[in-house]
């Protein structure tokens, strides 16, 4: 059977004004550097008197590289399969931790080939992790292990991969101590978080593409349970962090709200995506994946397990 995604196309990229992509990218660079500036100053990595806007480069440069590799991994795979795809539209949001909500690539045509679907879906996360993992190693080497103290502190989400890399780089961390992340390490952790979300095996997220390429229409039933599991994760975090509220501690409700709502927000986000894009993944032509591509699909879904954070951000 002919691989329809490999047929010649009159346009391998969606026509459009590349200036829009450029302006959004430059705005994202500015907002990510702004976020990095505040990390460097707030974490005392740079004295406030010496700080200038480009002081945020230890966070901004590696984080932007992770995003660029991720998005152009998708784009290059689309070009190789002759699937029309836009250049990345980066999304600057200077009021959030990372200074951006990532980027999107638009592909107006259905991806017809199962092989193309797998390649395009997996290329982004795998390319991004090629930058994120060495960045994490470098960042952890610049980070400090210190006592937690008695003041409230923010705990970044823990995943199997993150914990393993910490142990390999820093060795066992004593109870009551933790890593005070250098902004470069935080950039890598942000890459881990974004990759985890993208690999969620649901809808038209990267993980949804990968799982559909592997499982076919069975993935639509799996996706229903994946979305329901987001409510279960919300309930788990409500239970896990309800202690301060039940004890009447000051700020108990804010702690519960901060720690428990991440997965509830994503339950509603996936609902909006389903409303506009449908609940089922768009079908693709039949044909089995090659053994090599099946291994890539399994590896990508295993990466989701290794990156999974039950509580992405917690205040203690």
Foldseek 3Di string as FASTA:
>chain_A
DDQVLQDADPALADDDDCVQQVVQVVLLLQLQLQLLQCLCPVVVVDPPVPGDSNNRCLQSVLLVVLLVQLQVLLSVLSSNSSQYKYRWRWAADNVDNRRGPGTDMDGPDDNAGLLSLLSNLLRRLVRSVVSLLVLLLVFQVVWDKDFPDDDKDKDAFDFQQSVVSCCVRPNDRDPRIDIPTDSSNVSSLVSLVVLLVQLQCFAPRSVVSLVCSAPPQVSLVVNVVSLVVLVVLLVVLLVVLQVCVVVVHPCSVVQSCLFRCPSVVVSVVSVVCCVVPNSGHDHHDDDHDDPVSNVSSVVSNVSSNRSDGSTRMGID
